[in-house]
Amino acid sequence: MCLASGTYFVKAAPFGTQIGYCKEYSLAVSLLGDAYEPDDEEPKCIDEREPQQHNFYPDGDQDFVEFLAKPADGGERWYGVFTSDLAAGVDTAITVTMGSYDPWYNDDYDPGSGNFASTVCLSTTEQYTAVVAITNLGQFAPTSSYTVTVVEGPFIETIPDSFTLNFVEGGAPSPATYAISVTVPGGGNLWWQALESTAWLDIGPVIGKTPSTINMIITGTTTMSNGFYQGNITISPQEPLCDGSPNFQIPVNLVIVPASSSALEGGTWFIPGLARPTPSLQTMYERTGIFLPLRWKEWNGLRRFRP
């Protein structure tokens, strides 16, 4: 039996002759449906990047959520709807309706992979309330759970999301390889392609599906002159369904400092826009370089401070 939202009272009464001072019992009340029921007809609100866990129970249960889709300033804004963390026996399908647009539908984002999660990506240049219907092509049970998340583009997030790396001129980078975790906020499946912007960056793989890992290698530093170098890694969602949605960029800043300690004598290095020189003498690497105060002159893209 499914109950509407409200306050309910449970009454316990004795049965037969089982009455007495020492007669004890335990009462447990469990909700077999999820916390968002009833939502079979009236959609419940879902916030952007708010993972909601639902289940499919009883038989025939379906879930509806809604969110406000807004245009970007002077252009389109993208939204993605993702199911993830499917319990065994669950096979989700997503239908999104919005304004006068034709409905968006997806059953399995990656057919044949054994993962029955779904993904829908859409864009709008006007403001609408988007209604998402999630149905189950699999088994119905209190344990038939899944997570649904709505994400505003870009749909990719990474850990870390930027790099500032310090190397000594003529020396090899350490560590040689840096791992980048690539996911969709809240979970979800999305094919992506990655591209590096400069010759001293090398990445692999260049194609993958979330959740996944990109390995970044810094190359050629042994022949690079001291200075400040900038690059980036661009990750682009790919077909099916999400091609054309916003890219995600990972800035990679590289600092090559002089190998000779005499080159640092009487001064230190400050990366413009990234840090501020400190009043105390410091000759150790810090978050964005090495610091010292007062007058400066430009030198190979870095600023050198002298007392």
C-alpha atoms as a PDB file:
ATOM      1  CA  MET A   1       0.000   0.000   0.000  1.00  0.00           C
ATOM      2  CA  CYS A   2       1.354   3.458  -0.937  1.00  0.00           C
ATOM      3  CA  LEU A   3       0.506   6.399   1.325  1.00  0.00           C
ATOM      4  CA  ALA A   4       0.303  10.055   0.425  1.00  0.00           C
ATOM      5  CA  SER A   5       2.529  12.589   2.174  1.00  0.00           C
ATOM      6  CA  GLY A   6       1.307  13.411   5.679  1.00  0.00           C
ATOM      7  CA  THR A   7       1.467  12.471   9.367  1.00  0.00           C
ATOM      8  CA  TYR A   8       0.407   8.963  10.395  1.00  0.00           C
ATOM      9  CA  PHE A   9      -0.048   7.218  13.757  1.00  0.00           C
ATOM     10  CA  VAL A  10       0.538   3.540  14.505  1.00  0.00           C
ATOM     11  CA  LYS A  11      -1.512   1.809  17.231  1.00  0.00           C
ATOM     12  CA  ALA A  12      -0.251  -1.378  18.866  1.00  0.00           C
ATOM     13  CA  ALA A  13      -2.791  -3.623  20.639  1.00  0.00           C
ATOM     14  CA  PRO A  14      -2.411  -6.982  22.519  1.00  0.00           C
ATOM     15  CA  PHE A  15      -3.396 -10.210  20.830  1.00  0.00           C
ATOM     16  CA  GLY A  16      -4.874 -13.054  22.848  1.00  0.00           C
ATOM     17  CA  THR A  17      -3.509 -13.535  26.389  1.00  0.00           C
ATOM     18  CA  GLN A  18      -0.022 -12.114  25.772  1.00  0.00           C
ATOM     19  CA  ILE A  19      -0.466  -9.363  28.391  1.00  0.00           C
ATOM     20  CA  GLY A  20       1.737  -8.608  31.375  1.00  0.00           C
ATOM     21  CA  TYR A  21       4.256  -6.328  33.025  1.00  0.00           C
ATOM     22  CA  CYS A  22       7.247  -8.049  31.421  1.00  0.00           C
ATOM     23  CA  LYS A  23       5.750  -8.434  27.976  1.00  0.00           C
ATOM     24  CA  GLU A  24       7.847  -6.268  25.639  1.00  0.00           C
ATOM     25  CA  TYR A  25       7.840  -5.766  21.890  1.00  0.00           C
ATOM     26  CA  SER A  26       9.659  -3.760  19.257  1.00  0.00           C
ATOM     27  CA  LEU A  27       7.949  -1.690  16.589  1.00  0.00           C
ATOM     28  CA  ALA A  28       9.701  -0.799  13.354  1.00  0.00           C
ATOM     29  CA  VAL A  29       8.224   1.378  10.638  1.00  0.00           C
ATOM     30  CA  SER A  30      10.016   1.460   7.294  1.00  0.00           C
ATOM     31  CA  LEU A  31       9.290   3.487   4.167  1.00  0.00           C
ATOM     32  CA  LEU A  32       9.563   1.180   1.174  1.00  0.00           C
ATOM     33  CA  GLY A  33       9.213   4.022  -1.307  1.00  0.00           C
ATOM     34  CA  ASP A  34      11.867   6.733  -1.591  1.00  0.00           C
ATOM     35  CA  ALA A  35      11.844  10.052   0.270  1.00  0.00           C
ATOM     36  CA  TYR A  36      10.488  11.966  -2.756  1.00  0.00           C
ATOM     37  CA  GLU A  37       7.226  10.015  -3.122  1.00  0.00           C
ATOM     38  CA  PRO A  38       4.631  10.616  -4.257  1.00  0.00           C
ATOM     39  CA  ASP A  39       6.175  11.846  -7.496  1.00  0.00           C
ATOM     40  CA  ASP A  40       4.497   9.599 -10.044  1.00  0.00           C
ATOM     41  CA  GLU A  41       2.499  12.503 -11.480  1.00  0.00           C
ATOM     42  CA  GLU A  42       3.517  15.685  -9.629  1.00  0.00           C
ATOM     43  CA  PRO A  43       7.238  16.418 -10.243  1.00  0.00           C
ATOM     44  CA  LYS A  44       9.492  17.189  -7.293  1.00  0.00           C
ATOM     45  CA  CYS A  45      12.082  19.970  -7.609  1.00  0.00           C
ATOM     46  CA  ILE A  46      15.716  19.092  -8.144  1.00  0.00           C
ATOM     47  CA  ASP A  47      18.519  21.636  -7.818  1.00  0.00           C
ATOM     48  CA  GLU A  48      21.486  21.813 -10.134  1.00  0.00           C
ATOM     49  CA  ARG A  49      24.233  19.382  -9.000  1.00  0.00           C
ATOM     50  CA  GLU A  50      21.946  17.915  -6.314  1.00  0.00           C
ATOM     51  CA  PRO A  51      22.185  14.101  -6.492  1.00  0.00           C
ATOM     52  CA  GLN A  52      18.813  12.605  -5.521  1.00  0.00           C
ATOM     53  CA  GLN A  53      18.480   8.916  -4.668  1.00  0.00           C
ATOM     54  CA  HIS A  54      15.162   7.353  -5.711  1.00  0.00           C
ATOM     55  CA  ASN A  55      13.882   3.812  -6.008  1.00  0.00           C
ATOM     56  CA  PHE A  56      11.364   1.997  -8.184  1.00  0.00           C
ATOM     57  CA  TYR A  57       8.694   0.618  -5.883  1.00  0.00           C
ATOM     58  CA  PRO A  58       5.960  -0.633  -6.084  1.00  0.00           C
ATOM     59  CA  ASP A  59       5.524  -2.246  -9.514  1.00  0.00           C
ATOM     60  CA  GLY A  60       5.064   0.326 -12.234  1.00  0.00           C
ATOM     61  CA  ASP A  61       6.570   3.143 -10.152  1.00  0.00           C
ATOM     62  CA  GLN A  62       8.072   6.032 -12.102  1.00  0.00           C
ATOM     63  CA  ASP A  63       9.645   9.252 -10.866  1.00  0.00           C
ATOM     64  CA  PHE A  64       9.280  12.855 -12.027  1.00  0.00           C
ATOM     65  CA  VAL A  65      11.593  15.758 -11.197  1.00  0.00           C
ATOM     66  CA  GLU A  66      11.672  19.294 -12.564  1.00  0.00           C
ATOM     67  CA  PHE A  67      14.207  22.123 -12.797  1.00  0.00           C
ATOM     68  CA  LEU A  68      14.359  25.661 -14.147  1.00  0.00           C
ATOM     69  CA  ALA A  69      16.284  25.846 -17.425  1.00  0.00           C
ATOM     70  CA  LYS A  70      17.559  29.349 -18.178  1.00  0.00           C
ATOM     71  CA  PRO A  71      19.390  30.820 -21.179  1.00  0.00           C
ATOM     72  CA  ALA A  72      22.910  32.206 -20.896  1.00  0.00           C
ATOM     73  CA  ASP A  73      23.517  35.905 -21.442  1.00  0.00           C
ATOM     74  CA  GLY A  74      23.103  36.356 -25.164  1.00  0.00           C
ATOM     75  CA  GLY A  75      23.110  32.657 -25.997  1.00  0.00           C
ATOM     76  CA  GLU A  76      22.240  29.087 -25.153  1.00  0.00           C
ATOM     77  CA  ARG A  77      22.808  27.269 -21.894  1.00  0.00           C
ATOM     78  CA  TRP A  78      23.294  23.509 -21.676  1.00  0.00           C
ATOM     79  CA  TYR A  79      21.886  21.077 -19.125  1.00  0.00           C
ATOM     80  CA  GLY A  80      22.566  17.384 -18.622  1.00  0.00           C
ATOM     81  CA  VAL A  81      20.372  14.835 -16.832  1.00  0.00           C
ATOM     82  CA  PHE A  82      22.224  11.741 -15.645  1.00  0.00           C
ATOM     83  CA  THR A  83      21.251   8.555 -13.822  1.00  0.00           C
ATOM     84  CA  SER A  84      23.985   6.671 -11.963  1.00  0.00           C
ATOM     85  CA  ASP A  85      24.639   4.188  -9.142  1.00  0.00           C
ATOM     86  CA  LEU A  86      21.975   1.808 -10.439  1.00  0.00           C
ATOM     87  CA  ALA A  87      21.167  -1.118  -8.137  1.00  0.00           C
ATOM     88  CA  ALA A  88      21.206  -4.620  -9.610  1.00  0.00           C
ATOM     89  CA  GLY A  89      18.197  -5.188 -11.858  1.00  0.00           C
ATOM     90  CA  VAL A  90      17.517  -1.478 -12.522  1.00  0.00           C
ATOM     91  CA  ASP A  91      17.438  -0.197 -16.118  1.00  0.00           C
ATOM     92  CA  THR A  92      16.565   3.509 -16.307  1.00  0.00           C
ATOM     93  CA  ALA A  93      15.128   5.483 -19.210  1.00  0.00           C
ATOM     94  CA  ILE A  94      14.934   9.305 -19.232  1.00  0.00           C
ATOM     95  CA  THR A  95      12.420  11.518 -21.040  1.00  0.00           C
ATOM     96  CA  VAL A  96      12.746  15.309 -20.781  1.00  0.00           C
ATOM     97  CA  THR A  97       9.980  17.664 -21.931  1.00  0.00           C
ATOM     98  CA  MET A  98      10.481  21.419 -22.113  1.00  0.00           C
ATOM     99  CA  GLY A  99       8.340  24.083 -23.746  1.00  0.00           C
ATOM    100  CA  SER A 100       7.570  23.439 -27.406  1.00  0.00           C
ATOM    101  CA  TYR A 101      10.729  21.393 -27.979  1.00  0.00           C
ATOM    102  CA  ASP A 102      10.421  17.772 -29.063  1.00  0.00           C
ATOM    103  CA  PRO A 103      11.044  15.490 -26.059  1.00  0.00           C
ATOM    104  CA  TRP A 104      14.569  14.232 -25.391  1.00  0.00           C
ATOM    105  CA  TYR A 105      14.800  10.493 -24.665  1.00  0.00           C
ATOM    106  CA  ASN A 106      17.538   8.032 -23.759  1.00  0.00           C
ATOM    107  CA  ASP A 107      17.392   4.444 -22.566  1.00  0.00           C
ATOM    108  CA  ASP A 108      20.979   3.183 -22.308  1.00  0.00           C
ATOM    109  CA  TYR A 109      23.693   5.794 -22.881  1.00  0.00           C
ATOM    110  CA  ASP A 110      26.262   3.093 -23.679  1.00  0.00           C
ATOM    111  CA  PRO A 111      24.384   0.077 -25.104  1.00  0.00           C
ATOM    112  CA  GLY A 112      26.153  -3.240 -24.775  1.00  0.00           C
ATOM    113  CA  SER A 113      28.405  -2.084 -21.934  1.00  0.00           C
ATOM    114  CA  GLY A 114      26.311  -3.711 -19.175  1.00  0.00           C
ATOM    115  CA  ASN A 115      25.698  -0.261 -17.663  1.00  0.00           C
ATOM    116  CA  PHE A 116      21.994   0.606 -17.932  1.00  0.00           C
ATOM    117  CA  ALA A 117      22.317   4.247 -16.836  1.00  0.00           C
ATOM    118  CA  SER A 118      20.902   7.016 -19.013  1.00  0.00           C
ATOM    119  CA  THR A 119      22.058  10.461 -20.146  1.00  0.00           C
ATOM    120  CA  VAL A 120      20.192  13.350 -21.783  1.00  0.00           C
ATOM    121  CA  CYS A 121      21.833  16.632 -22.816  1.00  0.00           C
ATOM    122  CA  LEU A 122      19.828  19.652 -23.978  1.00  0.00           C
ATOM    123  CA  SER A 123      20.227  23.374 -24.542  1.00  0.00           C
ATOM    124  CA  THR A 124      17.877  26.350 -24.453  1.00  0.00           C
ATOM    125  CA  THR A 125      17.880  30.023 -25.434  1.00  0.00           C
ATOM    126  CA  GLU A 126      14.694  30.720 -23.440  1.00  0.00           C
ATOM    127  CA  GLN A 127      13.555  30.086 -19.870  1.00  0.00           C
ATOM    128  CA  TYR A 128      11.445  26.998 -19.265  1.00  0.00           C
ATOM    129  CA  THR A 129      10.566  24.507 -16.563  1.00  0.00           C
ATOM    130  CA  ALA A 130      12.019  21.200 -17.715  1.00  0.00           C
ATOM    131  CA  VAL A 131      10.204  18.044 -16.561  1.00  0.00           C
ATOM    132  CA  VAL A 132      12.174  14.806 -16.297  1.00  0.00           C
ATOM    133  CA  ALA A 133      10.431  11.422 -16.258  1.00  0.00           C
ATOM    134  CA  ILE A 134      12.546   8.450 -15.126  1.00  0.00           C
ATOM    135  CA  THR A 135      11.095   5.013 -15.828  1.00  0.00           C
ATOM    136  CA  ASN A 136      12.402   1.530 -15.134  1.00  0.00           C
ATOM    137  CA  LEU A 137      12.762  -1.194 -17.738  1.00  0.00           C
ATOM    138  CA  GLY A 138      14.047  -3.598 -15.080  1.00  0.00           C
ATOM    139  CA  GLN A 139      12.954  -4.963 -11.701  1.00  0.00           C
ATOM    140  CA  PHE A 140      10.797  -3.220  -9.082  1.00  0.00           C
ATOM    141  CA  ALA A 141      11.673  -3.581  -5.392  1.00  0.00           C
ATOM    142  CA  PRO A 142      12.383  -1.402  -2.343  1.00  0.00           C
ATOM    143  CA  THR A 143      16.082  -1.971  -3.101  1.00  0.00           C
ATOM    144  CA  SER A 144      15.791  -0.965  -6.772  1.00  0.00           C
ATOM    145  CA  SER A 145      17.549   2.354  -6.257  1.00  0.00           C
ATOM    146  CA  TYR A 146      19.350   4.823  -8.515  1.00  0.00           C
ATOM    147  CA  THR A 147      20.657   8.419  -8.421  1.00  0.00           C
ATOM    148  CA  VAL A 148      19.533  11.244 -10.702  1.00  0.00           C
ATOM    149  CA  THR A 149      21.508  14.479 -11.108  1.00  0.00           C
ATOM    150  CA  VAL A 150      20.962  17.628 -13.187  1.00  0.00           C
ATOM    151  CA  VAL A 151      24.162  19.440 -14.212  1.00  0.00           C
ATOM    152  CA  GLU A 152      24.541  22.796 -15.921  1.00  0.00           C
ATOM    153  CA  GLY A 153      27.285  22.761 -18.563  1.00  0.00           C
ATOM    154  CA  PRO A 154      30.157  22.177 -18.571  1.00  0.00           C
ATOM    155  CA  PHE A 155      29.275  18.636 -17.515  1.00  0.00           C
ATOM    156  CA  ILE A 156      32.847  17.560 -16.779  1.00  0.00           C
ATOM    157  CA  GLU A 157      34.727  18.126 -13.535  1.00  0.00           C
ATOM    158  CA  THR A 158      38.266  17.052 -12.720  1.00  0.00           C
ATOM    159  CA  ILE A 159      40.503  16.513  -9.707  1.00  0.00           C
ATOM    160  CA  PRO A 160      42.754  18.423  -9.744  1.00  0.00           C
ATOM    161  CA  ASP A 161      41.215  21.206 -11.821  1.00  0.00           C
ATOM    162  CA  SER A 162      44.474  23.146 -12.342  1.00  0.00           C
ATOM    163  CA  PHE A 163      48.248  22.750 -12.018  1.00  0.00           C
ATOM    164  CA  THR A 164      51.104  25.069 -11.053  1.00  0.00           C
ATOM    165  CA  LEU A 165      54.368  23.120 -11.280  1.00  0.00           C
ATOM    166  CA  ASN A 166      57.901  24.218 -10.347  1.00  0.00           C
ATOM    167  CA  PHE A 167      61.008  22.732 -11.994  1.00  0.00           C
ATOM    168  CA  VAL A 168      64.689  23.590 -11.895  1.00  0.00           C
ATOM    169  CA  GLU A 169      66.240  24.573 -15.213  1.00  0.00           C
ATOM    170  CA  GLY A 170      67.857  21.553 -16.846  1.00  0.00           C
ATOM    171  CA  GLY A 171      66.263  19.129 -14.417  1.00  0.00           C
ATOM    172  CA  ALA A 172      63.724  16.391 -15.072  1.00  0.00           C
ATOM    173  CA  PRO A 173      60.133  16.740 -13.782  1.00  0.00           C
ATOM    174  CA  SER A 174      59.224  14.810 -10.655  1.00  0.00           C
ATOM    175  CA  PRO A 175      56.803  13.128 -10.522  1.00  0.00           C
ATOM    176  CA  ALA A 176      56.934  12.410 -14.234  1.00  0.00           C
ATOM    177  CA  THR A 177      53.209  11.590 -14.522  1.00  0.00           C
ATOM    178  CA  TYR A 178      50.189  13.334 -12.993  1.00  0.00           C
ATOM    179  CA  ALA A 179      46.797  11.588 -12.737  1.00  0.00           C
ATOM    180  CA  ILE A 180      43.624  13.575 -13.486  1.00  0.00           C
ATOM    181  CA  SER A 181      40.259  12.160 -12.390  1.00  0.00           C
ATOM    182  CA  VAL A 182      37.463  12.923 -14.897  1.00  0.00           C
ATOM    183  CA  THR A 183      33.855  12.666 -13.696  1.00  0.00           C
ATOM    184  CA  VAL A 184      30.352  14.089 -14.042  1.00  0.00           C
ATOM    185  CA  PRO A 185      29.194  15.826 -10.817  1.00  0.00           C
ATOM    186  CA  GLY A 186      26.959  13.391  -8.938  1.00  0.00           C
ATOM    187  CA  GLY A 187      27.959  10.536 -11.240  1.00  0.00           C
ATOM    188  CA  GLY A 188      26.893   9.699 -14.753  1.00  0.00           C
ATOM    189  CA  ASN A 189      28.208   8.529 -18.107  1.00  0.00           C
ATOM    190  CA  LEU A 190      29.681  10.899 -20.692  1.00  0.00           C
ATOM    191  CA  TRP A 191      32.079  10.232 -23.542  1.00  0.00           C
ATOM    192  CA  TRP A 192      34.852  12.825 -23.817  1.00  0.00           C
ATOM    193  CA  GLN A 193      37.862  13.767 -25.926  1.00  0.00           C
ATOM    194  CA  ALA A 194      40.936  15.571 -24.524  1.00  0.00           C
ATOM    195  CA  LEU A 195      43.432  17.837 -26.297  1.00  0.00           C
ATOM    196  CA  GLU A 196      46.608  19.487 -25.003  1.00  0.00           C
ATOM    197  CA  SER A 197      47.565  23.000 -26.142  1.00  0.00           C
ATOM    198  CA  THR A 198      51.359  22.875 -26.138  1.00  0.00           C
ATOM    199  CA  ALA A 199      54.264  20.590 -27.034  1.00  0.00           C
ATOM    200  CA  TRP A 200      55.512  20.207 -23.449  1.00  0.00           C
ATOM    201  CA  LEU A 201      52.199  18.592 -22.413  1.00  0.00           C
ATOM    202  CA  ASP A 202      51.498  14.961 -23.252  1.00  0.00           C
ATOM    203  CA  ILE A 203      48.266  13.247 -22.210  1.00  0.00           C
ATOM    204  CA  GLY A 204      46.635   9.865 -22.532  1.00  0.00           C
ATOM    205  CA  PRO A 205      44.185   8.463 -23.136  1.00  0.00           C
ATOM    206  CA  VAL A 206      42.696  11.195 -25.323  1.00  0.00           C
ATOM    207  CA  ILE A 207      39.254   9.537 -25.500  1.00  0.00           C
ATOM    208  CA  GLY A 208      37.312   8.054 -22.590  1.00  0.00           C
ATOM    209  CA  LYS A 209      34.032   7.780 -20.694  1.00  0.00           C
ATOM    210  CA  THR A 210      33.356   9.060 -17.191  1.00  0.00           C
ATOM    211  CA  PRO A 211      34.368   8.081 -14.596  1.00  0.00           C
ATOM    212  CA  SER A 212      37.930   7.770 -15.893  1.00  0.00           C
ATOM    213  CA  THR A 213      41.522   8.986 -15.548  1.00  0.00           C
ATOM    214  CA  ILE A 214      43.816  11.027 -17.794  1.00  0.00           C
ATOM    215  CA  ASN A 215      47.577  10.736 -17.295  1.00  0.00           C
ATOM    216  CA  MET A 216      49.450  14.010 -17.893  1.00  0.00           C
ATOM    217  CA  ILE A 217      53.204  14.005 -18.583  1.00  0.00           C
ATOM    218  CA  ILE A 218      55.405  17.120 -18.637  1.00  0.00           C
ATOM    219  CA  THR A 219      58.040  16.707 -21.366  1.00  0.00           C
ATOM    220  CA  GLY A 220      61.044  18.618 -22.635  1.00  0.00           C
ATOM    221  CA  THR A 221      61.790  20.544 -19.441  1.00  0.00           C
ATOM    222  CA  THR A 222      65.503  19.645 -19.597  1.00  0.00           C
ATOM    223  CA  THR A 223      65.898  21.911 -22.656  1.00  0.00           C
ATOM    224  CA  MET A 224      63.502  24.704 -21.596  1.00  0.00           C
ATOM    225  CA  SER A 225      64.860  28.091 -20.541  1.00  0.00           C
ATOM    226  CA  ASN A 226      63.941  29.461 -17.145  1.00  0.00           C
ATOM    227  CA  GLY A 227      60.666  31.382 -17.201  1.00  0.00           C
ATOM    228  CA  PHE A 228      56.910  31.065 -16.897  1.00  0.00           C
ATOM    229  CA  TYR A 229      54.948  28.864 -19.323  1.00  0.00           C
ATOM    230  CA  GLN A 230      51.204  28.447 -19.719  1.00  0.00           C
ATOM    231  CA  GLY A 231      49.207  25.640 -21.279  1.00  0.00           C
ATOM    232  CA  ASN A 232      45.874  23.906 -20.872  1.00  0.00           C
ATOM    233  CA  ILE A 233      44.055  20.633 -21.398  1.00  0.00           C
ATOM    234  CA  THR A 234      40.628  20.919 -23.035  1.00  0.00           C
ATOM    235  CA  ILE A 235      38.094  18.137 -22.405  1.00  0.00           C
ATOM    236  CA  SER A 236      35.127  18.099 -24.817  1.00  0.00           C
ATOM    237  CA  PRO A 237      31.937  16.014 -24.454  1.00  0.00           C
ATOM    238  CA  GLN A 238      31.402  13.771 -27.480  1.00  0.00           C
ATOM    239  CA  GLU A 239      28.649  11.909 -29.263  1.00  0.00           C
ATOM    240  CA  PRO A 240      26.256  10.415 -28.564  1.00  0.00           C
ATOM    241  CA  LEU A 241      23.836  13.090 -27.332  1.00  0.00           C
ATOM    242  CA  CYS A 242      26.133  15.717 -25.792  1.00  0.00           C
ATOM    243  CA  ASP A 243      28.378  16.824 -28.673  1.00  0.00           C
ATOM    244  CA  GLY A 244      28.497  20.625 -28.838  1.00  0.00           C
ATOM    245  CA  SER A 245      28.023  21.210 -25.118  1.00  0.00           C
ATOM    246  CA  PRO A 246      30.598  23.374 -23.252  1.00  0.00           C
ATOM    247  CA  ASN A 247      34.203  22.255 -22.923  1.00  0.00           C
ATOM    248  CA  PHE A 248      36.118  22.014 -19.644  1.00  0.00           C
ATOM    249  CA  GLN A 249      39.630  23.470 -19.441  1.00  0.00           C
ATOM    250  CA  ILE A 250      42.431  22.578 -17.029  1.00  0.00           C
ATOM    251  CA  PRO A 251      45.076  25.360 -16.783  1.00  0.00           C
ATOM    252  CA  VAL A 252      48.640  24.076 -16.525  1.00  0.00           C
ATOM    253  CA  ASN A 253      51.246  26.641 -15.373  1.00  0.00           C
ATOM    254  CA  LEU A 254      54.907  25.712 -15.529  1.00  0.00           C
ATOM    255  CA  VAL A 255      57.696  27.592 -13.704  1.00  0.00           C
ATOM    256  CA  ILE A 256      61.316  26.898 -14.678  1.00  0.00           C
ATOM    257  CA  VAL A 257      63.705  28.513 -12.166  1.00  0.00           C
ATOM    258  CA  PRO A 258      67.482  28.984 -12.582  1.00  0.00           C
ATOM    259  CA  ALA A 259      69.614  26.015 -11.572  1.00  0.00           C
ATOM    260  CA  SER A 260      72.378  28.172 -10.064  1.00  0.00           C
ATOM    261  CA  SER A 261      71.771  29.448  -6.540  1.00  0.00           C
ATOM    262  CA  SER A 262      73.801  32.578  -7.436  1.00  0.00           C
ATOM    263  CA  ALA A 263      71.076  33.501  -9.909  1.00  0.00           C
ATOM    264  CA  LEU A 264      68.696  33.836  -6.977  1.00  0.00           C
ATOM    265  CA  GLU A 265      71.060  35.847  -4.797  1.00  0.00           C
ATOM    266  CA  GLY A 266      69.569  39.127  -3.611  1.00  0.00           C
ATOM    267  CA  GLY A 267      66.162  38.439  -5.056  1.00  0.00           C
ATOM    268  CA  THR A 268      63.425  35.959  -5.813  1.00  0.00           C
ATOM    269  CA  TRP A 269      60.697  35.241  -8.330  1.00  0.00           C
ATOM    270  CA  PHE A 270      57.049  36.303  -8.510  1.00  0.00           C
ATOM    271  CA  ILE A 271      54.581  34.964 -11.099  1.00  0.00           C
ATOM    272  CA  PRO A 272      52.381  37.848 -12.328  1.00  0.00           C
ATOM    273  CA  GLY A 273      48.721  37.352 -11.443  1.00  0.00           C
ATOM    274  CA  LEU A 274      49.307  34.242  -9.359  1.00  0.00           C
ATOM    275  CA  ALA A 275      50.982  35.394  -6.160  1.00  0.00           C
ATOM    276  CA  ARG A 276      52.208  38.423  -4.226  1.00  0.00           C
ATOM    277  CA  PRO A 277      55.748  38.911  -2.888  1.00  0.00           C
ATOM    278  CA  THR A 278      56.078  38.569   0.856  1.00  0.00           C
ATOM    279  CA  PRO A 279      58.177  40.858   3.118  1.00  0.00           C
ATOM    280  CA  SER A 280      60.205  37.995   4.551  1.00  0.00           C
ATOM    281  CA  LEU A 281      63.156  36.350   2.843  1.00  0.00           C
ATOM    282  CA  GLN A 282      62.106  33.004   1.386  1.00  0.00           C
ATOM    283  CA  THR A 283      64.207  30.832  -0.872  1.00  0.00           C
ATOM    284  CA  MET A 284      62.051  27.705  -0.790  1.00  0.00           C
ATOM    285  CA  TYR A 285      59.532  26.789  -3.425  1.00  0.00           C
ATOM    286  CA  GLU A 286      56.028  27.781  -2.469  1.00  0.00           C
ATOM    287  CA  ARG A 287      52.678  27.416  -4.139  1.00  0.00           C
ATOM    288  CA  THR A 288      53.555  29.520  -7.164  1.00  0.00           C
ATOM    289  CA  GLY A 289      57.282  30.217  -6.960  1.00  0.00           C
ATOM    290  CA  ILE A 290      59.912  31.727  -4.702  1.00  0.00           C
ATOM    291  CA  PHE A 291      59.403  35.076  -2.976  1.00  0.00           C
ATOM    292  CA  LEU A 292      61.278  38.231  -1.915  1.00  0.00           C
ATOM    293  CA  PRO A 293      60.313  41.949  -1.769  1.00  0.00           C
ATOM    294  CA  LEU A 294      60.551  45.413  -3.278  1.00  0.00           C
ATOM    295  CA  ARG A 295      61.960  46.518  -6.650  1.00  0.00           C
ATOM    296  CA  TRP A 296      61.537  44.278  -9.626  1.00  0.00           C
ATOM    297  CA  LYS A 297      62.437  43.978 -13.257  1.00  0.00           C
ATOM    298  CA  GLU A 298      60.953  41.788 -15.970  1.00  0.00           C
ATOM    299  CA  TRP A 299      62.984  38.683 -16.688  1.00  0.00           C
ATOM    300  CA  ASN A 300      61.845  35.894 -19.019  1.00  0.00           C
ATOM    301  CA  GLY A 301      58.207  36.407 -18.087  1.00  0.00           C
ATOM    302  CA  LEU A 302      58.891  36.408 -14.351  1.00  0.00           C
ATOM    303  CA  ARG A 303      59.348  39.375 -12.025  1.00  0.00           C
ATOM    304  CA  ARG A 304      62.519  39.539  -9.965  1.00  0.00           C
ATOM    305  CA  PHE A 305      62.390  41.404  -6.666  1.00  0.00           C
ATOM    306  CA  ARG A 306      65.460  43.005  -5.037  1.00  0.00           C
ATOM    307  CA  PRO A 307      65.773  44.481  -1.526  1.00  0.00           C
END
